[in-house]
Amino acid sequence: MKSSRENRLVDSIVGLFIRSKRANVLALRTQYKDDLCHDISNPYELPSATTNIQVRELLFILFAAFFTNLCYTQTTINIYDVEDAYIDQTVPNGNFGSAVEIRSKPFAPSWSERFLLKFDLSSIPVNASIISANVVLTVTSFMSTSSTIRAYRINDSWSESSVTWSNFSNDYEGTHSAQKTCAWPNQNLGSTRSWNLLSDVQEMHSGIIDNNGWLFRDKNLNSSTQAYWNFGSSENVTASNRPVLQVTYTTFDPLPVELIQFDGICIEGQNLLSWQTASEHNSATFEIEYSKDGNTWSSIHSVEASGFSTHELTYNYIHTHPSNGDNYYRLNQYDIDGTEYSYEHLTINIHCKPSDDESKMTVYPNPSSNFFNLVFNQIESEGVREIKVLNAMGQIVLRQYHMLLEGEKSLRILSPLGPGIYFAEIDSDFEAKKQAKFIIE
């Protein structure tokens, strides 16, 4: 079942297909890259619920297949770090952990040989999703008779330096995990055989079962056929003959920042921008770029990012002197190592009319921290002034009285306030009161 986010994205893609004569795949890829990887709220109007379900399902399949590579990285590795040994019924107390071959022979009576393999899986990332896992062995000697060799998952621990026919517990699964036929004359010296052990490796990697490796033995037990097939061990002098576990996996490769929203609003002739992140990893700074026409851009502000965060964070910036009319903004984000990611496809436009009321009061700097200045556009007369600061809910959180000297156009206010959006108020000679919005970081 698809999540609500996936449904939301599919709805918008359907809408774009409906609203255009042809699908612009490149535009969809760019537009929804951040939606998929960052779960950013979709700004587009959703089509009605009557959208044909078959179209929705088809587009979801296309969407999933097309966008998977944006967030997931596929990797194939060869694991040569292996413990291996063969055990020989004719030499029940002999250890062959350092032999250059691992051997399989079913011949009876009492002539059987089997081998054990155990690969170190620690090189597979913890967050990996394994999609294939194959043990590949190279033929180094054989008898000219076909043989089917099966791999059984071992349930007990063992060591290549001490395992023997006598002390091997024979505690292995009754059902084989994989089998491969060595078909003479198709296979010969130097040819390879591969056993698909995906399910076992997945469970070993996830910790569902212990990694004790596999026992490889001929399909037939106590056979009178003198068939044997031997393969290069990890001690083989020819590196290409040594056992290898080939693993392909995917890892989710999120961008450093999960951006939830980026928007803005014009308030009293100033544009208040805000953006919110759900998590951050190795984030260094955010940069705001500005444009009057949506084509030519310049950087107007930079703010330090959190670096590492797993909870929602909100950032704000006030553009105090926007243009009269359209104002375009976009975000850039920089990693600690200097890598840049642009959210240019999330450009916002704020239509604003700057205030021409000269009696207004402003706050500087804005945003501020442990202090701020109230700046008056008209000179107030001398006297005691009551300063009130209200929070976003309209509650008074700070009240102070200051002597305003003749000709003075500003007051410095020490701020014990916590981070947030506030409104400063002061009685005025020119109107009932002056109010200015500001931010404490």
Protein backbone atom coordinates (compact mmCIF):
# COMPACT_ATOMS: atom_id res chain seq x y z
CA MET A 1 0.00 0.00 0.00
CA LYS A 2 1.31 3.47 -0.91
CA SER A 3 1.83 6.11 1.74
CA SER A 4 -0.06 9.40 1.77
CA ARG A 5 3.11 11.14 0.59
CA GLU A 6 3.38 8.81 -2.40
CA ASN A 7 -0.29 9.36 -3.20
CA ARG A 8 0.23 13.11 -2.98
CA LEU A 9 3.12 13.00 -5.40
CA VAL A 10 1.25 10.74 -7.82
CA ASP A 11 -1.75 13.08 -7.71
CA SER A 12 0.43 16.00 -8.69
CA ILE A 13 2.14 14.08 -11.48
CA VAL A 14 -1.28 13.09 -12.80
CA GLY A 15 -2.27 16.73 -12.63
CA LEU A 16 0.77 17.81 -14.59
CA PHE A 17 0.09 15.20 -17.25
CA ILE A 18 -3.51 16.37 -17.51
CA ARG A 19 -2.59 20.06 -17.68
CA SER A 20 0.06 19.58 -20.38
CA LYS A 21 -0.16 18.20 -23.91
CA ARG A 22 2.92 16.07 -23.34
CA ALA A 23 4.85 14.93 -20.31
CA ASN A 24 8.05 16.85 -19.69
CA VAL A 25 9.97 14.08 -17.93
CA LEU A 26 13.03 16.20 -17.24
CA ALA A 27 10.90 18.84 -15.56
CA LEU A 28 9.15 16.21 -13.44
CA ARG A 29 12.47 14.76 -12.39
CA THR A 30 13.75 18.16 -11.29
CA GLN A 31 10.52 19.27 -9.68
CA TYR A 32 9.94 16.16 -7.60
CA LYS A 33 13.50 15.28 -6.65
CA ASP A 34 13.22 17.19 -3.40
CA ASP A 35 9.65 16.03 -2.81
CA LEU A 36 10.75 12.40 -2.92
CA CYS A 37 13.98 12.72 -0.95
CA HIS A 38 12.88 15.38 1.53
CA ASP A 39 9.12 14.98 1.90
CA ILE A 40 8.56 18.67 1.24
CA SER A 41 4.92 19.74 1.18
CA ASN A 42 3.49 19.71 -2.33
CA PRO A 43 2.56 23.24 -3.45
CA TYR A 44 0.44 22.18 -6.41
CA GLU A 45 -3.33 21.83 -6.53
CA LEU A 46 -4.35 18.20 -6.49
CA PRO A 47 -6.66 16.86 -9.19
CA SER A 48 -10.08 15.59 -8.18
CA ALA A 49 -10.61 12.22 -6.58
CA THR A 50 -12.20 10.98 -9.79
CA THR A 51 -8.77 10.55 -11.41
CA ASN A 52 -8.76 7.22 -13.20
CA ILE A 53 -7.29 4.64 -10.82
CA GLN A 54 -5.57 2.72 -13.62
CA VAL A 55 -3.78 5.88 -14.72
CA ARG A 56 -2.79 6.55 -11.11
CA GLU A 57 -1.39 3.05 -10.65
CA LEU A 58 0.52 3.16 -13.94
CA LEU A 59 1.99 6.54 -13.11
CA PHE A 60 2.93 5.36 -9.64
CA ILE A 61 4.88 2.46 -11.15
CA LEU A 62 6.58 4.79 -13.62
CA PHE A 63 7.21 7.31 -10.86
CA ALA A 64 8.74 4.76 -8.50
CA ALA A 65 10.95 3.24 -11.19
CA PHE A 66 12.09 6.60 -12.53
CA PHE A 67 12.87 8.32 -9.25
CA THR A 68 14.38 5.45 -7.24
CA ASN A 69 17.92 6.29 -8.36
CA LEU A 70 17.56 9.83 -7.01
CA CYS A 71 17.66 8.72 -3.39
CA TYR A 72 19.13 5.21 -3.48
CA THR A 73 22.67 4.20 -4.36
CA GLN A 74 23.37 0.69 -5.67
CA THR A 75 26.76 -0.85 -4.92
CA THR A 76 28.38 -4.19 -5.75
CA ILE A 77 31.27 -5.48 -3.66
CA ASN A 78 33.44 -8.61 -3.70
CA ILE A 79 34.13 -10.08 -0.27
CA TYR A 80 37.32 -12.18 -0.13
CA ASP A 81 37.60 -12.22 3.66
CA VAL A 82 36.61 -15.83 4.26
CA GLU A 83 37.32 -18.78 6.52
CA ASP A 84 37.40 -21.99 4.52
CA ALA A 85 38.42 -25.61 5.02
CA TYR A 86 37.55 -29.02 3.74
CA ILE A 87 36.96 -32.07 5.92
CA ASP A 88 37.95 -35.59 4.85
CA GLN A 89 36.30 -38.78 6.04
CA THR A 90 39.44 -40.75 5.30
CA VAL A 91 41.46 -38.48 7.63
CA PRO A 92 38.85 -37.84 10.36
CA ASN A 93 41.19 -35.92 12.64
CA GLY A 94 43.00 -33.98 9.94
CA ASN A 95 42.60 -30.22 9.59
CA PHE A 96 42.84 -28.77 6.08
CA GLY A 97 42.20 -25.11 6.79
CA SER A 98 45.43 -24.09 5.09
CA ALA A 99 45.01 -26.24 1.96
CA VAL A 100 45.04 -24.53 -1.44
CA GLU A 101 41.83 -26.36 -2.42
CA ILE A 102 38.41 -27.00 -0.92
CA ARG A 103 37.03 -30.37 -1.95
CA SER A 104 33.73 -32.16 -2.56
CA LYS A 105 33.53 -35.94 -3.06
CA PRO A 106 30.65 -38.32 -2.23
CA PHE A 107 32.49 -41.59 -2.86
CA ALA A 108 31.65 -44.51 -0.56
CA PRO A 109 32.57 -46.31 1.51
CA SER A 110 34.12 -43.73 3.90
CA TRP A 111 35.80 -41.58 1.23
CA SER A 112 33.63 -38.46 1.34
CA GLU A 113 34.98 -34.92 1.36
CA ARG A 114 33.05 -31.72 2.07
CA PHE A 115 34.01 -28.08 2.55
CA LEU A 116 32.97 -25.15 4.70
CA LEU A 117 32.89 -21.41 3.91
CA LYS A 118 32.20 -18.42 6.15
CA PHE A 119 32.51 -14.86 4.82
CA ASP A 120 32.98 -11.72 6.90
CA LEU A 121 29.92 -9.52 6.20
CA SER A 122 31.09 -6.48 8.17
CA SER A 123 31.96 -4.54 5.00
CA ILE A 124 28.26 -4.36 4.11
CA PRO A 125 26.80 -1.13 5.56
CA VAL A 126 24.36 -1.56 8.42
CA ASN A 127 21.63 0.34 6.54
CA ALA A 128 22.12 -1.65 3.32
CA SER A 129 19.31 -3.47 1.57
CA ILE A 130 20.90 -6.54 -0.02
CA ILE A 131 19.46 -7.41 -3.43
CA SER A 132 21.84 -10.19 -4.54
CA ALA A 133 24.46 -12.42 -2.92
CA ASN A 134 26.36 -15.17 -4.73
CA VAL A 135 29.26 -17.37 -3.67
CA VAL A 136 31.56 -17.81 -6.67
CA LEU A 137 34.09 -20.66 -6.72
CA THR A 138 36.73 -21.50 -9.34
CA VAL A 139 37.34 -25.10 -10.44
CA THR A 140 40.93 -26.22 -9.80
CA SER A 141 40.60 -30.00 -10.28
CA PHE A 142 37.81 -32.47 -11.08
CA MET A 143 36.91 -35.95 -12.22
CA SER A 144 35.22 -36.14 -15.63
CA THR A 145 31.77 -36.81 -14.19
CA SER A 146 28.97 -34.31 -13.54
CA SER A 147 28.09 -33.59 -9.93
CA THR A 148 25.53 -31.42 -8.11
CA ILE A 149 26.88 -29.63 -5.06
CA ARG A 150 24.53 -28.17 -2.45
CA ALA A 151 25.07 -25.44 0.14
CA TYR A 152 23.58 -25.91 3.61
CA ARG A 153 23.48 -23.20 6.26
CA ILE A 154 25.57 -24.13 9.31
CA ASN A 155 23.98 -23.56 12.73
CA ASP A 156 27.06 -24.02 14.94
CA SER A 157 30.34 -22.13 15.11
CA TRP A 158 33.57 -23.54 13.70
CA SER A 159 37.12 -22.44 12.92
CA GLU A 160 39.13 -23.11 9.76
CA SER A 161 42.24 -23.72 11.87
CA SER A 162 40.72 -26.54 13.91
CA VAL A 163 37.69 -28.05 12.14
CA THR A 164 37.97 -31.73 11.26
CA TRP A 165 35.64 -34.48 10.09
CA SER A 166 35.49 -35.79 13.64
CA ASN A 167 34.82 -32.55 15.51
CA PHE A 168 32.47 -30.90 13.02
CA SER A 169 29.10 -30.97 14.72
CA ASN A 170 27.08 -31.68 11.55
CA ASP A 171 24.59 -29.13 12.89
CA TYR A 172 23.41 -27.71 9.62
CA GLU A 173 20.03 -27.13 8.03
CA GLY A 174 18.27 -30.17 6.64
CA THR A 175 17.23 -28.27 3.53
CA HIS A 176 19.85 -26.83 1.24
CA SER A 177 19.92 -23.07 0.55
CA ALA A 178 21.26 -23.41 -2.99
CA GLN A 179 22.69 -25.97 -5.37
CA LYS A 180 24.79 -25.87 -8.51
CA THR A 181 25.59 -28.60 -11.00
CA CYS A 182 29.15 -28.92 -12.23
CA ALA A 183 28.43 -30.40 -15.65
CA TRP A 184 31.28 -32.15 -17.39
CA PRO A 185 32.51 -31.36 -20.03
CA ASN A 186 30.96 -27.86 -19.86
CA GLN A 187 32.97 -26.98 -16.77
CA ASN A 188 36.72 -27.32 -16.79
CA LEU A 189 39.77 -25.96 -15.03
CA GLY A 190 39.46 -22.24 -14.35
CA SER A 191 35.71 -22.11 -14.89
CA THR A 192 33.50 -20.73 -12.14
CA ARG A 193 30.33 -21.88 -10.43
CA SER A 194 27.96 -19.60 -8.50
CA TRP A 195 25.55 -20.37 -5.63
CA ASN A 196 22.72 -17.88 -4.97
CA LEU A 197 22.62 -17.41 -1.18
CA LEU A 198 20.68 -14.14 -1.04
CA SER A 199 18.16 -15.14 1.61
CA ASP A 200 20.83 -16.44 3.99
CA VAL A 201 23.06 -13.39 3.59
CA GLN A 202 20.11 -11.05 4.17
CA GLU A 203 19.23 -12.77 7.42
CA MET A 204 22.87 -12.97 8.55
CA HIS A 205 23.42 -9.29 7.80
CA SER A 206 20.26 -8.25 9.65
CA GLY A 207 21.12 -10.43 12.67
CA ILE A 208 18.11 -12.72 12.32
CA ILE A 209 20.47 -15.72 12.21
CA ASP A 210 24.10 -16.14 13.19
CA ASN A 211 26.71 -16.08 10.46
CA ASN A 212 28.26 -19.53 10.67
CA GLY A 213 28.62 -19.90 6.93
CA TRP A 214 27.74 -22.91 4.81
CA LEU A 215 28.60 -26.57 4.37
CA PHE A 216 29.02 -27.59 0.73
CA ARG A 217 28.59 -31.25 -0.14
CA ASP A 218 27.59 -33.44 -3.04
CA LYS A 219 23.87 -33.96 -3.54
CA ASN A 220 24.42 -37.71 -3.24
CA LEU A 221 25.56 -39.25 0.01
CA ASN A 222 27.57 -42.50 0.02
CA SER A 223 27.56 -42.60 -3.75
CA SER A 224 29.63 -45.25 -5.48
CA THR A 225 30.37 -42.78 -8.30
CA GLN A 226 33.94 -41.58 -8.02
CA ALA A 227 33.05 -37.94 -8.82
CA TYR A 228 34.90 -35.07 -7.24
CA TRP A 229 35.03 -31.34 -7.85
CA ASN A 230 37.60 -29.18 -6.14
CA PHE A 231 37.85 -25.39 -6.01
CA GLY A 232 40.45 -22.83 -5.09
CA SER A 233 40.62 -21.90 -1.41
CA SER A 234 41.53 -18.56 0.16
CA GLU A 235 45.11 -19.88 0.38
CA ASN A 236 45.35 -20.62 -3.33
CA VAL A 237 48.48 -19.12 -4.89
CA THR A 238 46.40 -17.73 -7.79
CA ALA A 239 44.32 -14.85 -6.47
CA SER A 240 41.65 -15.25 -9.15
CA ASN A 241 41.00 -18.81 -7.95
CA ARG A 242 40.04 -17.78 -4.42
CA PRO A 243 36.43 -17.85 -3.14
CA VAL A 244 34.46 -14.64 -3.37
CA LEU A 245 31.07 -13.54 -2.13
CA GLN A 246 29.61 -11.05 -4.60
CA VAL A 247 27.05 -8.80 -2.92
CA THR A 248 24.92 -6.08 -4.48
CA TYR A 249 23.03 -3.75 -2.15
CA THR A 250 21.31 -0.41 -2.09
CA THR A 251 21.62 2.27 0.55
CA PHE A 252 19.36 5.23 1.06
CA ASP A 253 21.48 8.27 0.35
CA PRO A 254 19.56 11.26 1.66
CA LEU A 255 20.73 14.77 1.02
CA PRO A 256 22.17 16.51 4.09
CA VAL A 257 18.95 18.40 4.87
CA GLU A 258 15.32 17.31 4.96
CA LEU A 259 13.55 20.53 4.03
CA ILE A 260 9.92 20.67 5.19
CA GLN A 261 8.92 24.11 3.95
CA PHE A 262 10.22 27.37 2.54
CA ASP A 263 7.87 30.34 2.28
CA GLY A 264 7.52 34.03 2.98
CA ILE A 265 5.10 36.88 3.55
CA CYS A 266 5.12 40.67 3.22
CA ILE A 267 4.45 42.46 6.52
CA GLU A 268 4.48 46.25 6.71
CA GLY A 269 6.68 46.59 3.65
CA GLN A 270 9.18 43.94 4.74
CA ASN A 271 9.41 40.34 3.54
CA LEU A 272 9.62 37.72 6.29
CA LEU A 273 11.16 34.47 4.99
CA SER A 274 11.09 31.23 6.94
CA TRP A 275 12.17 27.67 6.26
CA GLN A 276 12.01 24.54 8.34
CA THR A 277 14.08 21.36 8.39
CA ALA A 278 13.10 17.96 9.74
CA SER A 279 16.70 16.77 10.08
CA GLU A 280 20.20 17.89 9.17
CA HIS A 281 23.46 16.02 8.66
CA ASN A 282 26.78 17.80 8.09
CA SER A 283 24.96 21.03 7.26
CA ALA A 284 27.11 24.17 7.52
CA THR A 285 25.17 27.19 6.22
CA PHE A 286 22.06 28.31 4.41
CA GLU A 287 22.27 31.08 1.85
CA ILE A 288 19.34 33.19 0.61
CA GLU A 289 19.51 34.38 -2.97
CA TYR A 290 17.34 37.24 -4.23
CA SER A 291 16.14 38.32 -7.64
CA LYS A 292 13.87 41.11 -8.86
CA ASP A 293 13.01 39.33 -12.10
CA GLY A 294 13.54 35.63 -11.35
CA ASN A 295 16.53 35.46 -13.69
CA THR A 296 19.43 37.43 -12.20
CA TRP A 297 20.31 36.32 -8.65
CA SER A 298 22.51 37.64 -5.86
CA SER A 299 23.21 36.46 -2.31
CA ILE A 300 21.66 38.67 0.36
CA HIS A 301 21.99 36.65 3.54
CA SER A 302 23.79 33.66 5.05
CA VAL A 303 22.89 31.89 8.28
CA GLU A 304 24.70 29.16 10.16
CA ALA A 305 22.97 25.75 10.04
CA SER A 306 22.75 23.34 12.95
CA GLY A 307 25.26 20.83 11.60
CA PHE A 308 23.50 17.77 13.00
CA SER A 309 19.86 17.58 14.03
CA THR A 310 17.09 14.99 14.17
CA HIS A 311 14.27 17.34 15.17
CA GLU A 312 12.45 20.17 13.44
CA LEU A 313 14.28 23.50 13.25
CA THR A 314 12.97 26.83 11.95
CA TYR A 315 15.06 29.58 10.35
CA ASN A 316 13.93 33.15 9.66
CA TYR A 317 15.15 36.18 7.79
CA ILE A 318 13.58 39.61 7.22
CA HIS A 319 14.34 41.38 3.95
CA THR A 320 13.92 44.96 5.13
CA HIS A 321 14.07 46.70 1.74
CA PRO A 322 12.35 44.57 -0.89
CA SER A 323 11.30 45.88 -4.27
CA ASN A 324 7.86 47.30 -4.90
CA GLY A 325 6.10 44.36 -6.53
CA ASP A 326 7.58 40.92 -7.21
CA ASN A 327 10.48 39.63 -5.10
CA TYR A 328 11.98 36.20 -5.81
CA TYR A 329 13.88 34.13 -3.25
CA ARG A 330 15.58 30.74 -3.25
CA LEU A 331 17.78 28.74 -0.87
CA ASN A 332 21.22 27.23 -1.15
CA GLN A 333 22.60 24.86 1.45
CA TYR A 334 26.29 24.08 2.04
CA ASP A 335 27.75 21.00 3.71
CA ILE A 336 30.62 21.19 6.16
CA ASP A 337 32.91 19.97 3.37
CA GLY A 338 31.73 22.80 1.09
CA THR A 339 29.38 20.77 -1.09
CA GLU A 340 26.51 22.94 -2.32
CA TYR A 341 22.89 21.96 -2.87
CA SER A 342 20.51 24.40 -4.54
CA TYR A 343 16.75 24.45 -3.93
CA GLU A 344 16.25 26.58 -7.03
CA HIS A 345 13.20 24.55 -8.06
CA LEU A 346 11.52 25.76 -4.84
CA THR A 347 11.77 29.46 -5.72
CA ILE A 348 9.13 31.61 -4.00
CA ASN A 349 7.74 34.99 -5.10
CA ILE A 350 6.52 37.55 -2.56
CA HIS A 351 4.56 40.46 -3.94
CA CYS A 352 5.15 43.35 -1.57
CA LYS A 353 4.46 47.09 -1.40
CA PRO A 354 7.02 48.84 0.81
CA SER A 355 5.57 51.04 3.54
CA ASP A 356 5.67 54.80 2.97
CA ASP A 357 4.57 55.69 6.51
CA GLU A 358 7.50 57.70 7.89
CA SER A 359 6.14 57.53 11.40
CA LYS A 360 6.82 53.82 11.66
CA MET A 361 9.34 52.25 14.02
CA THR A 362 11.83 49.57 13.03
CA VAL A 363 14.02 47.12 14.94
CA TYR A 364 17.74 46.75 14.29
CA PRO A 365 19.46 44.33 14.06
CA ASN A 366 16.75 41.97 12.96
CA PRO A 367 17.11 39.11 13.68
CA SER A 368 18.85 39.89 16.96
CA SER A 369 20.02 38.01 20.03
CA ASN A 370 20.80 39.56 23.42
CA PHE A 371 19.81 43.12 22.52
CA PHE A 372 17.96 45.14 19.89
CA ASN A 373 17.50 48.77 18.95
CA LEU A 374 14.20 50.57 18.39
CA VAL A 375 14.69 53.09 15.57
CA PHE A 376 12.16 55.88 14.98
CA ASN A 377 11.67 57.44 11.57
CA GLN A 378 10.49 60.67 13.19
CA ILE A 379 12.11 62.36 16.18
CA GLU A 380 10.03 61.91 19.33
CA SER A 381 9.81 64.54 22.05
CA GLU A 382 11.66 64.11 25.32
CA GLY A 383 10.01 62.02 28.03
CA VAL A 384 9.58 58.61 29.65
CA ARG A 385 8.36 55.95 27.27
CA GLU A 386 6.85 52.58 28.09
CA ILE A 387 8.27 49.78 25.97
CA LYS A 388 6.25 46.59 25.67
CA VAL A 389 7.22 43.41 23.85
CA LEU A 390 4.52 40.91 22.90
CA ASN A 391 4.98 37.35 21.70
CA ALA A 392 3.26 35.84 18.67
CA MET A 393 0.19 35.08 20.83
CA GLY A 394 -0.19 38.71 21.87
CA GLN A 395 1.04 38.14 25.42
CA ILE A 396 3.27 40.78 27.04
CA VAL A 397 6.61 39.13 27.75
CA LEU A 398 8.72 42.24 28.44
CA ARG A 399 7.87 45.67 29.83
CA GLN A 400 10.42 48.46 30.38
CA TYR A 401 10.43 52.25 30.88
CA HIS A 402 13.06 54.40 29.19
CA MET A 403 13.83 58.11 29.18
CA LEU A 404 13.82 59.37 25.60
CA LEU A 405 16.09 62.40 25.27
CA GLU A 406 15.34 65.33 23.02
CA GLY A 407 16.28 64.61 19.42
CA GLU A 408 16.89 60.93 20.13
CA LYS A 409 15.79 58.54 17.37
CA SER A 410 16.67 55.15 18.88
CA LEU A 411 16.69 53.13 22.08
CA ARG A 412 18.76 50.06 22.92
CA ILE A 413 16.83 47.32 24.72
CA LEU A 414 18.61 44.47 26.50
CA SER A 415 16.75 41.28 25.66
CA PRO A 416 16.28 38.28 27.97
CA LEU A 417 13.87 36.79 25.40
CA GLY A 418 14.15 33.31 23.96
CA PRO A 419 14.13 32.55 20.24
CA GLY A 420 10.91 33.48 18.47
CA ILE A 421 8.88 36.18 16.73
CA TYR A 422 7.96 39.27 18.76
CA PHE A 423 6.30 42.68 18.45
CA ALA A 424 7.72 45.80 20.11
CA GLU A 425 5.33 48.64 21.03
CA ILE A 426 5.91 52.22 22.18
CA ASP A 427 3.62 55.22 22.70
CA SER A 428 4.21 57.89 20.07
CA ASP A 429 3.69 61.65 19.76
CA PHE A 430 2.52 61.13 16.19
CA GLU A 431 0.02 58.28 16.62
CA ALA A 432 -1.47 56.12 19.33
CA LYS A 433 1.43 53.70 19.29
CA LYS A 434 4.19 52.34 17.12
CA GLN A 435 4.72 48.64 16.58
CA ALA A 436 7.55 46.69 14.94
CA LYS A 437 7.91 43.00 14.32
CA PHE A 438 11.27 41.34 14.97
CA ILE A 439 12.93 38.01 15.53
CA ILE A 440 15.11 36.75 18.36
CA GLU A 441 17.50 33.95 17.39
